[in-house]
Amino acid sequence: MTALSIGTPLDSGLGTVTLDPRRFNRHTFWCGQSGSGKTYALGVVLEQLLLETELPMLILDPNADFVRLQSTRPSAAPHHAERIARTPTSGCSARGASRASRCACATSICRRHPRQPCCG
């Protein structure tokens, strides 16, 4: 499996910072102070995971930060745009939705685990 390239080191700017994608096959906890770049950094990692792996992902996104994850810029490399476009995704946004809508969305996510309640 290819290492995920996520940028260059701040101190030298030389080389590439990479992550081992095999380490994302379990739960991932992402934390930091407000304004520290969590959303941007996570977006870079999610983009790389979509491009370079077949890992299944469930993204809980209450602020709708990643609703356009499947959209690509016109300047994107054609093979990357194609890969992103053919990645099956589904999602919903809880922002502004009624409780019933949020529960319907959560239920569709939880169908694989029927014993676990999705909305209480």
PDB file of N, CA and C in Angstrom:
ATOM      1  N   MET A   1       0.847  -1.171   0.000  1.00  0.00           N
ATOM      2  CA  MET A   1       0.000   0.000   0.000  1.00  0.00           C
ATOM      3  C   MET A   1       0.894   1.236   0.000  1.00  0.00           C
ATOM      4  N   THR A   2       0.549   2.204  -0.798  1.00  0.00           N
ATOM      5  CA  THR A   2       1.322   3.423  -0.953  1.00  0.00           C
ATOM      6  C   THR A   2       1.205   4.320   0.272  1.00  0.00           C
ATOM      7  N   ALA A   3       2.306   4.955   0.661  1.00  0.00           N
ATOM      8  CA  ALA A   3       2.275   5.945   1.744  1.00  0.00           C
ATOM      9  C   ALA A   3       1.485   7.165   1.260  1.00  0.00           C
ATOM     10  N   LEU A   4       0.727   7.768   2.170  1.00  0.00           N
ATOM     11  CA  LEU A   4      -0.068   8.940   1.826  1.00  0.00           C
ATOM     12  C   LEU A   4       0.773  10.194   1.995  1.00  0.00           C
ATOM     13  N   SER A   5       0.964  10.939   0.940  1.00  0.00           N
ATOM     14  CA  SER A   5       1.717  12.188   0.995  1.00  0.00           C
ATOM     15  C   SER A   5       0.779  13.290   1.464  1.00  0.00           C
ATOM     16  N   ILE A   6       1.127  13.954   2.575  1.00  0.00           N
ATOM     17  CA  ILE A   6       0.240  14.997   3.099  1.00  0.00           C
ATOM     18  C   ILE A   6       0.891  16.373   3.156  1.00  0.00           C
ATOM     19  N   GLY A   7       2.137  16.510   2.719  1.00  0.00           N
ATOM     20  CA  GLY A   7       2.765  17.824   2.710  1.00  0.00           C
ATOM     21  C   GLY A   7       4.259  17.751   2.881  1.00  0.00           C
ATOM     22  N   THR A   8       4.843  18.890   3.257  1.00  0.00           N
ATOM     23  CA  THR A   8       6.280  18.989   3.489  1.00  0.00           C
ATOM     24  C   THR A   8       6.537  19.462   4.910  1.00  0.00           C
ATOM     25  N   PRO A   9       7.694  19.126   5.485  1.00  0.00           N
ATOM     26  CA  PRO A   9       8.002  19.553   6.860  1.00  0.00           C
ATOM     27  C   PRO A   9       8.108  21.076   6.969  1.00  0.00           C
ATOM     28  N   LEU A  10       7.575  21.641   8.044  1.00  0.00           N
ATOM     29  CA  LEU A  10       7.631  23.082   8.247  1.00  0.00           C
ATOM     30  C   LEU A  10       9.051  23.575   8.495  1.00  0.00           C
ATOM     31  N   ASP A  11       9.843  22.803   9.210  1.00  0.00           N
ATOM     32  CA  ASP A  11      11.172  23.280   9.596  1.00  0.00           C
ATOM     33  C   ASP A  11      12.152  23.363   8.432  1.00  0.00           C
ATOM     34  N   SER A  12      12.061  22.465   7.462  1.00  0.00           N
ATOM     35  CA  SER A  12      13.036  22.486   6.376  1.00  0.00           C
ATOM     36  C   SER A  12      12.399  22.648   5.006  1.00  0.00           C
ATOM     37  N   GLY A  13      11.159  22.217   4.867  1.00  0.00           N
ATOM     38  CA  GLY A  13      10.519  22.252   3.565  1.00  0.00           C
ATOM     39  C   GLY A  13      11.067  21.218   2.601  1.00  0.00           C
ATOM     40  N   LEU A  14      12.009  20.401   3.071  1.00  0.00           N
ATOM     41  CA  LEU A  14      12.609  19.376   2.228  1.00  0.00           C
ATOM     42  C   LEU A  14      11.943  18.037   2.487  1.00  0.00           C
ATOM     43  N   GLY A  15      11.761  17.277   1.457  1.00  0.00           N
ATOM     44  CA  GLY A  15      11.160  15.958   1.623  1.00  0.00           C
ATOM     45  C   GLY A  15       9.643  16.036   1.674  1.00  0.00           C
ATOM     46  N   THR A  16       9.050  14.939   2.046  1.00  0.00           N
ATOM     47  CA  THR A  16       7.601  14.827   2.100  1.00  0.00           C
ATOM     48  C   THR A  16       7.188  14.182   3.408  1.00  0.00           C
ATOM     49  N   VAL A  17       6.104  14.671   3.979  1.00  0.00           N
ATOM     50  CA  VAL A  17       5.526  14.048   5.166  1.00  0.00           C
ATOM     51  C   VAL A  17       4.510  13.024   4.677  1.00  0.00           C
ATOM     52  N   THR A  18       4.629  11.795   5.161  1.00  0.00           N
ATOM     53  CA  THR A  18       3.724  10.736   4.727  1.00  0.00           C
ATOM     54  C   THR A  18       3.094  10.042   5.926  1.00  0.00           C
ATOM     55  N   LEU A  19       1.965   9.417   5.675  1.00  0.00           N
ATOM     56  CA  LEU A  19       1.274   8.603   6.672  1.00  0.00           C
ATOM     57  C   LEU A  19       1.099   7.203   6.112  1.00  0.00           C
ATOM     58  N   ASP A  20       1.093   6.229   6.999  1.00  0.00           N
ATOM     59  CA  ASP A  20       0.873   4.838   6.607  1.00  0.00           C
ATOM     60  C   ASP A  20      -0.638   4.595   6.566  1.00  0.00           C
ATOM     61  N   PRO A  21      -1.223   4.377   5.396  1.00  0.00           N
ATOM     62  CA  PRO A  21      -2.671   4.215   5.301  1.00  0.00           C
ATOM     63  C   PRO A  21      -3.209   2.985   6.035  1.00  0.00           C
ATOM     64  N   ARG A  22      -2.351   2.004   6.283  1.00  0.00           N
ATOM     65  CA  ARG A  22      -2.815   0.808   7.014  1.00  0.00           C
ATOM     66  C   ARG A  22      -3.212   1.150   8.436  1.00  0.00           C
ATOM     67  N   ARG A  23      -2.714   2.262   8.950  1.00  0.00           N
ATOM     68  CA  ARG A  23      -3.034   2.675  10.321  1.00  0.00           C
ATOM     69  C   ARG A  23      -4.432   3.281  10.432  1.00  0.00           C
ATOM     70  N   PHE A  24      -5.093   3.514   9.313  1.00  0.00           N
ATOM     71  CA  PHE A  24      -6.433   4.096   9.327  1.00  0.00           C
ATOM     72  C   PHE A  24      -7.527   3.039   9.233  1.00  0.00           C
ATOM     73  N   ASN A  25      -7.188   1.764   9.422  1.00  0.00           N
ATOM     74  CA  ASN A  25      -8.191   0.703   9.336  1.00  0.00           C
ATOM     75  C   ASN A  25      -8.943   0.510  10.643  1.00  0.00           C
ATOM     76  N   ARG A  26      -8.720   1.368  11.595  1.00  0.00           N
ATOM     77  CA  ARG A  26      -9.429   1.377  12.878  1.00  0.00           C
ATOM     78  C   ARG A  26      -9.969   2.777  13.105  1.00  0.00           C
ATOM     79  N   HIS A  27     -10.510   3.013  14.275  1.00  0.00           N
ATOM     80  CA  HIS A  27     -11.014   4.341  14.609  1.00  0.00           C
ATOM     81  C   HIS A  27      -9.874   5.352  14.629  1.00  0.00           C
ATOM     82  N   THR A  28     -10.175   6.569  14.232  1.00  0.00           N
ATOM     83  CA  THR A  28      -9.178   7.635  14.230  1.00  0.00           C
ATOM     84  C   THR A  28      -9.724   8.810  15.029  1.00  0.00           C
ATOM     85  N   PHE A  29      -8.918   9.332  15.934  1.00  0.00           N
ATOM     86  CA  PHE A  29      -9.305  10.480  16.755  1.00  0.00           C
ATOM     87  C   PHE A  29      -8.468  11.665  16.319  1.00  0.00           C
ATOM     88  N   TRP A  30      -9.113  12.749  15.956  1.00  0.00           N
ATOM     89  CA  TRP A  30      -8.440  13.938  15.431  1.00  0.00           C
ATOM     90  C   TRP A  30      -8.765  15.089  16.367  1.00  0.00           C
ATOM     91  N   CYS A  31      -7.773  15.685  16.986  1.00  0.00           N
ATOM     92  CA  CYS A  31      -8.067  16.766  17.937  1.00  0.00           C
ATOM     93  C   CYS A  31      -7.051  17.891  17.825  1.00  0.00           C
ATOM     94  N   GLY A  32      -7.404  19.047  18.353  1.00  0.00           N
ATOM     95  CA  GLY A  32      -6.530  20.216  18.363  1.00  0.00           C
ATOM     96  C   GLY A  32      -7.326  21.435  18.793  1.00  0.00           C
ATOM     97  N   GLN A  33      -6.617  22.511  19.053  1.00  0.00           N
ATOM     98  CA  GLN A  33      -7.266  23.747  19.469  1.00  0.00           C
ATOM     99  C   GLN A  33      -8.077  24.342  18.326  1.00  0.00           C
ATOM    100  N   SER A  34      -9.024  25.172  18.669  1.00  0.00           N
ATOM    101  CA  SER A  34      -9.820  25.888  17.683  1.00  0.00           C
ATOM    102  C   SER A  34      -8.889  26.711  16.792  1.00  0.00           C
ATOM    103  N   GLY A  35      -9.070  26.598  15.490  1.00  0.00           N
ATOM    104  CA  GLY A  35      -8.258  27.358  14.547  1.00  0.00           C
ATOM    105  C   GLY A  35      -6.896  26.760  14.238  1.00  0.00           C
ATOM    106  N   SER A  36      -6.632  25.542  14.711  1.00  0.00           N
ATOM    107  CA  SER A  36      -5.306  24.947  14.516  1.00  0.00           C
ATOM    108  C   SER A  36      -5.147  24.224  13.178  1.00  0.00           C
ATOM    109  N   GLY A  37      -6.221  24.119  12.383  1.00  0.00           N
ATOM    110  CA  GLY A  37      -6.120  23.491  11.072  1.00  0.00           C
ATOM    111  C   GLY A  37      -6.612  22.058  11.012  1.00  0.00           C
ATOM    112  N   LYS A  38      -7.394  21.636  11.997  1.00  0.00           N
ATOM    113  CA  LYS A  38      -7.898  20.254  12.026  1.00  0.00           C
ATOM    114  C   LYS A  38      -8.709  19.927  10.775  1.00  0.00           C
ATOM    115  N   THR A  39      -9.642  20.790  10.423  1.00  0.00           N
ATOM    116  CA  THR A  39     -10.523  20.521   9.290  1.00  0.00           C
ATOM    117  C   THR A  39      -9.730  20.457   7.998  1.00  0.00           C
ATOM    118  N   TYR A  40      -8.818  21.391   7.797  1.00  0.00           N
ATOM    119  CA  TYR A  40      -8.006  21.383   6.574  1.00  0.00           C
ATOM    120  C   TYR A  40      -7.144  20.120   6.516  1.00  0.00           C
ATOM    121  N   ALA A  41      -6.454  19.829   7.608  1.00  0.00           N
ATOM    122  CA  ALA A  41      -5.565  18.656   7.631  1.00  0.00           C
ATOM    123  C   ALA A  41      -6.354  17.366   7.420  1.00  0.00           C
ATOM    124  N   LEU A  42      -7.498  17.248   8.076  1.00  0.00           N
ATOM    125  CA  LEU A  42      -8.315  16.055   7.896  1.00  0.00           C
ATOM    126  C   LEU A  42      -8.812  15.957   6.457  1.00  0.00           C
ATOM    127  N   GLY A  43      -9.162  17.085   5.854  1.00  0.00           N
ATOM    128  CA  GLY A  43      -9.579  17.081   4.449  1.00  0.00           C
ATOM    129  C   GLY A  43      -8.487  16.546   3.541  1.00  0.00           C
ATOM    130  N   VAL A  44      -7.242  16.939   3.795  1.00  0.00           N
ATOM    131  CA  VAL A  44      -6.107  16.439   3.003  1.00  0.00           C
ATOM    132  C   VAL A  44      -5.981  14.922   3.169  1.00  0.00           C
ATOM    133  N   VAL A  45      -6.076  14.459   4.405  1.00  0.00           N
ATOM    134  CA  VAL A  45      -5.937  13.021   4.660  1.00  0.00           C
ATOM    135  C   VAL A  45      -7.102  12.246   4.034  1.00  0.00           C
ATOM    136  N   LEU A  46      -8.327  12.735   4.182  1.00  0.00           N
ATOM    137  CA  LEU A  46      -9.476  12.038   3.585  1.00  0.00           C
ATOM    138  C   LEU A  46      -9.342  11.975   2.069  1.00  0.00           C
ATOM    139  N   GLU A  47      -8.909  13.071   1.476  1.00  0.00           N
ATOM    140  CA  GLU A  47      -8.706  13.099   0.031  1.00  0.00           C
ATOM    141  C   GLU A  47      -7.685  12.040  -0.393  1.00  0.00           C
ATOM    142  N   GLN A  48      -6.593  11.941   0.329  1.00  0.00           N
ATOM    143  CA  GLN A  48      -5.565  10.951   0.012  1.00  0.00           C
ATOM    144  C   GLN A  48      -6.072   9.522   0.225  1.00  0.00           C
ATOM    145  N   LEU A  49      -6.849   9.317   1.289  1.00  0.00           N
ATOM    146  CA  LEU A  49      -7.414   7.986   1.529  1.00  0.00           C
ATOM    147  C   LEU A  49      -8.356   7.587   0.398  1.00  0.00           C
ATOM    148  N   LEU A  50      -9.153   8.534  -0.101  1.00  0.00           N
ATOM    149  CA  LEU A  50     -10.044   8.243  -1.224  1.00  0.00           C
ATOM    150  C   LEU A  50      -9.260   7.920  -2.494  1.00  0.00           C
ATOM    151  N   LEU A  51      -8.171   8.645  -2.707  1.00  0.00           N
ATOM    152  CA  LEU A  51      -7.389   8.459  -3.931  1.00  0.00           C
ATOM    153  C   LEU A  51      -6.525   7.203  -3.918  1.00  0.00           C
ATOM    154  N   GLU A  52      -5.981   6.871  -2.757  1.00  0.00           N
ATOM    155  CA  GLU A  52      -4.933   5.850  -2.704  1.00  0.00           C
ATOM    156  C   GLU A  52      -5.316   4.531  -2.045  1.00  0.00           C
ATOM    157  N   THR A  53      -6.499   4.439  -1.450  1.00  0.00           N
ATOM    158  CA  THR A  53      -6.873   3.206  -0.751  1.00  0.00           C
ATOM    159  C   THR A  53      -8.290   2.781  -1.112  1.00  0.00           C
ATOM    160  N   GLU A  54      -8.648   1.623  -0.636  1.00  0.00           N
ATOM    161  CA  GLU A  54     -10.019   1.108  -0.759  1.00  0.00           C
ATOM    162  C   GLU A  54     -10.661   1.010   0.619  1.00  0.00           C
ATOM    163  N   LEU A  55     -10.089   1.707   1.595  1.00  0.00           N
ATOM    164  CA  LEU A  55     -10.607   1.630   2.957  1.00  0.00           C
ATOM    165  C   LEU A  55     -12.034   2.162   3.028  1.00  0.00           C
ATOM    166  N   PRO A  56     -12.933   1.449   3.702  1.00  0.00           N
ATOM    167  CA  PRO A  56     -14.272   1.996   3.913  1.00  0.00           C
ATOM    168  C   PRO A  56     -14.191   3.116   4.944  1.00  0.00           C
ATOM    169  N   MET A  57     -14.992   4.152   4.754  1.00  0.00           N
ATOM    170  CA  MET A  57     -14.969   5.285   5.676  1.00  0.00           C
ATOM    171  C   MET A  57     -16.381   5.683   6.063  1.00  0.00           C
ATOM    172  N   LEU A  58     -16.526   6.053   7.306  1.00  0.00           N
ATOM    173  CA  LEU A  58     -17.748   6.673   7.792  1.00  0.00           C
ATOM    174  C   LEU A  58     -17.313   7.990   8.396  1.00  0.00           C
ATOM    175  N   ILE A  59     -17.773   9.079   7.828  1.00  0.00           N
ATOM    176  CA  ILE A  59     -17.393  10.404   8.295  1.00  0.00           C
ATOM    177  C   ILE A  59     -18.615  11.034   8.949  1.00  0.00           C
ATOM    178  N   LEU A  60     -18.529  11.263  10.239  1.00  0.00           N
ATOM    179  CA  LEU A  60     -19.592  11.956  10.960  1.00  0.00           C
ATOM    180  C   LEU A  60     -19.254  13.443  10.903  1.00  0.00           C
ATOM    181  N   ASP A  61     -20.053  14.199  10.198  1.00  0.00           N
ATOM    182  CA  ASP A  61     -19.717  15.572   9.846  1.00  0.00           C
ATOM    183  C   ASP A  61     -20.849  16.528  10.223  1.00  0.00           C
ATOM    184  N   PRO A  62     -21.033  16.802  11.522  1.00  0.00           N
ATOM    185  CA  PRO A  62     -22.166  17.633  11.941  1.00  0.00           C
ATOM    186  C   PRO A  62     -22.091  19.074  11.441  1.00  0.00           C
ATOM    187  N   ASN A  63     -20.928  19.570  11.077  1.00  0.00           N
ATOM    188  CA  ASN A  63     -20.798  20.945  10.591  1.00  0.00           C
ATOM    189  C   ASN A  63     -20.781  21.047   9.076  1.00  0.00           C
ATOM    190  N   ALA A  64     -20.983  19.938   8.388  1.00  0.00           N
ATOM    191  CA  ALA A  64     -21.017  19.889   6.924  1.00  0.00           C
ATOM    192  C   ALA A  64     -19.728  20.426   6.304  1.00  0.00           C
ATOM    193  N   ASP A  65     -18.596  20.141   6.921  1.00  0.00           N
ATOM    194  CA  ASP A  65     -17.305  20.593   6.398  1.00  0.00           C
ATOM    195  C   ASP A  65     -16.849  19.798   5.174  1.00  0.00           C
ATOM    196  N   PHE A  66     -17.322  18.557   5.046  1.00  0.00           N
ATOM    197  CA  PHE A  66     -16.824  17.689   3.980  1.00  0.00           C
ATOM    198  C   PHE A  66     -17.903  17.272   2.990  1.00  0.00           C
ATOM    199  N   VAL A  67     -18.979  18.030   2.896  1.00  0.00           N
ATOM    200  CA  VAL A  67     -20.065  17.653   1.985  1.00  0.00           C
ATOM    201  C   VAL A  67     -19.637  17.717   0.523  1.00  0.00           C
ATOM    202  N   ARG A  68     -18.599  18.470   0.227  1.00  0.00           N
ATOM    203  CA  ARG A  68     -18.123  18.571  -1.157  1.00  0.00           C
ATOM    204  C   ARG A  68     -16.863  17.744  -1.393  1.00  0.00           C
ATOM    205  N   LEU A  69     -16.626  16.768  -0.544  1.00  0.00           N
ATOM    206  CA  LEU A  69     -15.420  15.945  -0.654  1.00  0.00           C
ATOM    207  C   LEU A  69     -15.316  15.261  -2.011  1.00  0.00           C
ATOM    208  N   GLN A  70     -16.442  14.964  -2.619  1.00  0.00           N
ATOM    209  CA  GLN A  70     -16.421  14.262  -3.901  1.00  0.00           C
ATOM    210  C   GLN A  70     -16.304  15.224  -5.089  1.00  0.00           C
ATOM    211  N   SER A  71     -16.305  16.532  -4.819  1.00  0.00           N
ATOM    212  CA  SER A  71     -16.133  17.527  -5.884  1.00  0.00           C
ATOM    213  C   SER A  71     -14.643  17.779  -6.109  1.00  0.00           C
ATOM    214  N   THR A  72     -14.264  17.981  -7.344  1.00  0.00           N
ATOM    215  CA  THR A  72     -12.862  18.270  -7.648  1.00  0.00           C
ATOM    216  C   THR A  72     -12.766  19.615  -8.365  1.00  0.00           C
ATOM    217  N   ARG A  73     -11.607  20.250  -8.212  1.00  0.00           N
ATOM    218  CA  ARG A  73     -11.342  21.506  -8.915  1.00  0.00           C
ATOM    219  C   ARG A  73     -11.077  21.217 -10.384  1.00  0.00           C
ATOM    220  N   PRO A  74     -11.335  22.195 -11.249  1.00  0.00           N
ATOM    221  CA  PRO A  74     -11.015  22.003 -12.671  1.00  0.00           C
ATOM    222  C   PRO A  74      -9.527  21.719 -12.903  1.00  0.00           C
ATOM    223  N   SER A  75      -8.671  22.188 -11.999  1.00  0.00           N
ATOM    224  CA  SER A  75      -7.226  21.991 -12.168  1.00  0.00           C
ATOM    225  C   SER A  75      -6.739  20.626 -11.659  1.00  0.00           C
ATOM    226  N   ALA A  76      -7.646  19.808 -11.115  1.00  0.00           N
ATOM    227  CA  ALA A  76      -7.243  18.491 -10.603  1.00  0.00           C
ATOM    228  C   ALA A  76      -6.765  17.600 -11.742  1.00  0.00           C
ATOM    229  N   ALA A  77      -5.811  16.754 -11.433  1.00  0.00           N
ATOM    230  CA  ALA A  77      -5.325  15.800 -12.426  1.00  0.00           C
ATOM    231  C   ALA A  77      -6.501  14.924 -12.886  1.00  0.00           C
ATOM    232  N   PRO A  78      -6.635  14.687 -14.182  1.00  0.00           N
ATOM    233  CA  PRO A  78      -7.780  13.915 -14.688  1.00  0.00           C
ATOM    234  C   PRO A  78      -7.954  12.552 -14.016  1.00  0.00           C
ATOM    235  N   HIS A  79      -6.847  11.827 -13.766  1.00  0.00           N
ATOM    236  CA  HIS A  79      -6.986  10.510 -13.139  1.00  0.00           C
ATOM    237  C   HIS A  79      -7.454  10.644 -11.684  1.00  0.00           C
ATOM    238  N   HIS A  80      -7.093  11.722 -10.998  1.00  0.00           N
ATOM    239  CA  HIS A  80      -7.594  11.943  -9.633  1.00  0.00           C
ATOM    240  C   HIS A  80      -9.083  12.301  -9.662  1.00  0.00           C
ATOM    241  N   ALA A  81      -9.468  13.178 -10.571  1.00  0.00           N
ATOM    242  CA  ALA A  81     -10.877  13.572 -10.686  1.00  0.00           C
ATOM    243  C   ALA A  81     -11.754  12.365 -10.991  1.00  0.00           C
ATOM    244  N   GLU A  82     -11.271  11.488 -11.871  1.00  0.00           N
ATOM    245  CA  GLU A  82     -12.024  10.282 -12.228  1.00  0.00           C
ATOM    246  C   GLU A  82     -12.155   9.349 -11.021  1.00  0.00           C
ATOM    247  N   ARG A  83     -11.070   9.161 -10.303  1.00  0.00           N
ATOM    248  CA  ARG A  83     -11.072   8.281  -9.120  1.00  0.00           C
ATOM    249  C   ARG A  83     -12.056   8.795  -8.070  1.00  0.00           C
ATOM    250  N   ILE A  84     -12.020  10.092  -7.797  1.00  0.00           N
ATOM    251  CA  ILE A  84     -12.925  10.686  -6.812  1.00  0.00           C
ATOM    252  C   ILE A  84     -14.372  10.552  -7.295  1.00  0.00           C
ATOM    253  N   ALA A  85     -14.619  10.822  -8.571  1.00  0.00           N
ATOM    254  CA  ALA A  85     -15.980  10.785  -9.113  1.00  0.00           C
ATOM    255  C   ALA A  85     -16.595   9.392  -9.056  1.00  0.00           C
ATOM    256  N   ARG A  86     -15.782   8.345  -9.197  1.00  0.00           N
ATOM    257  CA  ARG A  86     -16.359   6.987  -9.203  1.00  0.00           C
ATOM    258  C   ARG A  86     -16.354   6.337  -7.821  1.00  0.00           C
ATOM    259  N   THR A  87     -15.967   7.094  -6.798  1.00  0.00           N
ATOM    260  CA  THR A  87     -16.017   6.573  -5.436  1.00  0.00           C
ATOM    261  C   THR A  87     -17.452   6.671  -4.930  1.00  0.00           C
ATOM    262  N   PRO A  88     -18.067   5.539  -4.591  1.00  0.00           N
ATOM    263  CA  PRO A  88     -19.451   5.598  -4.111  1.00  0.00           C
ATOM    264  C   PRO A  88     -19.526   6.266  -2.737  1.00  0.00           C
ATOM    265  N   THR A  89     -20.360   7.264  -2.637  1.00  0.00           N
ATOM    266  CA  THR A  89     -20.559   7.945  -1.354  1.00  0.00           C
ATOM    267  C   THR A  89     -22.037   8.206  -1.159  1.00  0.00           C
ATOM    268  N   SER A  90     -22.406   8.393   0.063  1.00  0.00           N
ATOM    269  CA  SER A  90     -23.745   8.864   0.388  1.00  0.00           C
ATOM    270  C   SER A  90     -23.609   9.652   1.675  1.00  0.00           C
ATOM    271  N   GLY A  91     -24.513  10.534   1.883  1.00  0.00           N
ATOM    272  CA  GLY A  91     -24.417  11.333   3.088  1.00  0.00           C
ATOM    273  C   GLY A  91     -25.656  12.151   3.300  1.00  0.00           C
ATOM    274  N   CYS A  92     -25.657  12.814   4.397  1.00  0.00           N
ATOM    275  CA  CYS A  92     -26.748  13.704   4.718  1.00  0.00           C
ATOM    276  C   CYS A  92     -26.221  14.759   5.672  1.00  0.00           C
ATOM    277  N   SER A  93     -26.931  15.823   5.812  1.00  0.00           N
ATOM    278  CA  SER A  93     -26.500  16.901   6.679  1.00  0.00           C
ATOM    279  C   SER A  93     -27.527  17.094   7.782  1.00  0.00           C
ATOM    280  N   ALA A  94     -27.060  17.155   9.008  1.00  0.00           N
ATOM    281  CA  ALA A  94     -27.959  17.378  10.137  1.00  0.00           C
ATOM    282  C   ALA A  94     -28.209  18.861  10.363  1.00  0.00           C
ATOM    283  N   ARG A  95     -27.411  19.721   9.745  1.00  0.00           N
ATOM    284  CA  ARG A  95     -27.553  21.156   9.947  1.00  0.00           C
ATOM    285  C   ARG A  95     -28.923  21.613   9.463  1.00  0.00           C
ATOM    286  N   GLY A  96     -29.699  22.170  10.367  1.00  0.00           N
ATOM    287  CA  GLY A  96     -31.010  22.693  10.025  1.00  0.00           C
ATOM    288  C   GLY A  96     -32.074  21.631   9.813  1.00  0.00           C
ATOM    289  N   ALA A  97     -31.733  20.369   9.980  1.00  0.00           N
ATOM    290  CA  ALA A  97     -32.695  19.288   9.748  1.00  0.00           C
ATOM    291  C   ALA A  97     -33.509  19.029  11.013  1.00  0.00           C
ATOM    292  N   SER A  98     -34.707  18.515  10.798  1.00  0.00           N
ATOM    293  CA  SER A  98     -35.545  18.156  11.936  1.00  0.00           C
ATOM    294  C   SER A  98     -34.983  16.909  12.609  1.00  0.00           C
ATOM    295  N   ARG A  99     -35.429  16.643  13.831  1.00  0.00           N
ATOM    296  CA  ARG A  99     -34.974  15.440  14.531  1.00  0.00           C
ATOM    297  C   ARG A  99     -35.312  14.189  13.729  1.00  0.00           C
ATOM    298  N   ALA A 100     -36.489  14.170  13.115  1.00  0.00           N
ATOM    299  CA  ALA A 100     -36.894  13.009  12.315  1.00  0.00           C
ATOM    300  C   ALA A 100     -35.928  12.791  11.148  1.00  0.00           C
ATOM    301  N   SER A 101     -35.516  13.874  10.489  1.00  0.00           N
ATOM    302  CA  SER A 101     -34.573  13.750   9.370  1.00  0.00           C
ATOM    303  C   SER A 101     -33.227  13.245   9.848  1.00  0.00           C
ATOM    304  N   ARG A 102     -32.766  13.757  10.994  1.00  0.00           N
ATOM    305  CA  ARG A 102     -31.477  13.309  11.515  1.00  0.00           C
ATOM    306  C   ARG A 102     -31.543  11.836  11.868  1.00  0.00           C
ATOM    307  N   CYS A 103     -32.661  11.381  12.427  1.00  0.00           N
ATOM    308  CA  CYS A 103     -32.806   9.967  12.780  1.00  0.00           C
ATOM    309  C   CYS A 103     -32.868   9.092  11.544  1.00  0.00           C
ATOM    310  N   ALA A 104     -33.551   9.539  10.491  1.00  0.00           N
ATOM    311  CA  ALA A 104     -33.624   8.759   9.257  1.00  0.00           C
ATOM    312  C   ALA A 104     -32.230   8.600   8.665  1.00  0.00           C
ATOM    313  N   CYS A 105     -31.445   9.663   8.719  1.00  0.00           N
ATOM    314  CA  CYS A 105     -30.082   9.602   8.206  1.00  0.00           C
ATOM    315  C   CYS A 105     -29.253   8.641   9.042  1.00  0.00           C
ATOM    316  N   ALA A 106     -29.321   8.761  10.352  1.00  0.00           N
ATOM    317  CA  ALA A 106     -28.549   7.881  11.234  1.00  0.00           C
ATOM    318  C   ALA A 106     -28.969   6.431  11.054  1.00  0.00           C
ATOM    319  N   THR A 107     -30.261   6.200  10.858  1.00  0.00           N
ATOM    320  CA  THR A 107     -30.737   4.833  10.668  1.00  0.00           C
ATOM    321  C   THR A 107     -30.149   4.224   9.399  1.00  0.00           C
ATOM    322  N   SER A 108     -30.062   5.008   8.337  1.00  0.00           N
ATOM    323  CA  SER A 108     -29.516   4.452   7.101  1.00  0.00           C
ATOM    324  C   SER A 108     -28.048   4.098   7.270  1.00  0.00           C
ATOM    325  N   ILE A 109     -27.328   4.845   8.098  1.00  0.00           N
ATOM    326  CA  ILE A 109     -25.925   4.539   8.362  1.00  0.00           C
ATOM    327  C   ILE A 109     -25.802   3.279   9.196  1.00  0.00           C
ATOM    328  N   CYS A 110     -26.724   3.057  10.116  1.00  0.00           N
ATOM    329  CA  CYS A 110     -26.604   1.966  11.086  1.00  0.00           C
ATOM    330  C   CYS A 110     -27.212   0.643  10.628  1.00  0.00           C
ATOM    331  N   ARG A 111     -27.663   0.510   9.415  1.00  0.00           N
ATOM    332  CA  ARG A 111     -28.311  -0.725   8.971  1.00  0.00           C
ATOM    333  C   ARG A 111     -27.424  -1.950   9.096  1.00  0.00           C
ATOM    334  N   ARG A 112     -26.135  -1.790   9.060  1.00  0.00           N
ATOM    335  CA  ARG A 112     -25.241  -2.939   9.196  1.00  0.00           C
ATOM    336  C   ARG A 112     -25.245  -3.494  10.610  1.00  0.00           C
ATOM    337  N   HIS A 113     -25.659  -2.695  11.573  1.00  0.00           N
ATOM    338  CA  HIS A 113     -25.656  -3.101  12.980  1.00  0.00           C
ATOM    339  C   HIS A 113     -27.057  -2.886  13.553  1.00  0.00           C
ATOM    340  N   PRO A 114     -28.017  -3.740  13.181  1.00  0.00           N
ATOM    341  CA  PRO A 114     -29.422  -3.505  13.554  1.00  0.00           C
ATOM    342  C   PRO A 114     -29.668  -3.543  15.062  1.00  0.00           C
ATOM    343  N   ARG A 115     -28.774  -4.141  15.843  1.00  0.00           N
ATOM    344  CA  ARG A 115     -28.996  -4.209  17.291  1.00  0.00           C
ATOM    345  C   ARG A 115     -28.630  -2.914  17.991  1.00  0.00           C
ATOM    346  N   GLN A 116     -27.878  -2.058  17.335  1.00  0.00           N
ATOM    347  CA  GLN A 116     -27.456  -0.804  17.953  1.00  0.00           C
ATOM    348  C   GLN A 116     -28.466   0.286  17.616  1.00  0.00           C
ATOM    349  N   PRO A 117     -29.008   0.966  18.634  1.00  0.00           N
ATOM    350  CA  PRO A 117     -29.950   2.046  18.337  1.00  0.00           C
ATOM    351  C   PRO A 117     -29.228   3.232  17.706  1.00  0.00           C
ATOM    352  N   CYS A 118     -29.860   3.805  16.700  1.00  0.00           N
ATOM    353  CA  CYS A 118     -29.262   4.960  16.023  1.00  0.00           C
ATOM    354  C   CYS A 118     -29.773   6.266  16.625  1.00  0.00           C
ATOM    355  N   CYS A 119     -31.015   6.292  16.966  1.00  0.00           N
ATOM    356  CA  CYS A 119     -31.607   7.489  17.578  1.00  0.00           C
ATOM    357  C   CYS A 119     -32.387   7.050  18.801  1.00  0.00           C
ATOM    358  N   GLY A 120     -32.143   7.713  19.889  1.00  0.00           N
ATOM    359  CA  GLY A 120     -32.822   7.320  21.108  1.00  0.00           C
ATOM    360  C   GLY A 120     -33.922   8.226  21.511  1.00  0.00           C
TER     361      GLY A 120
END
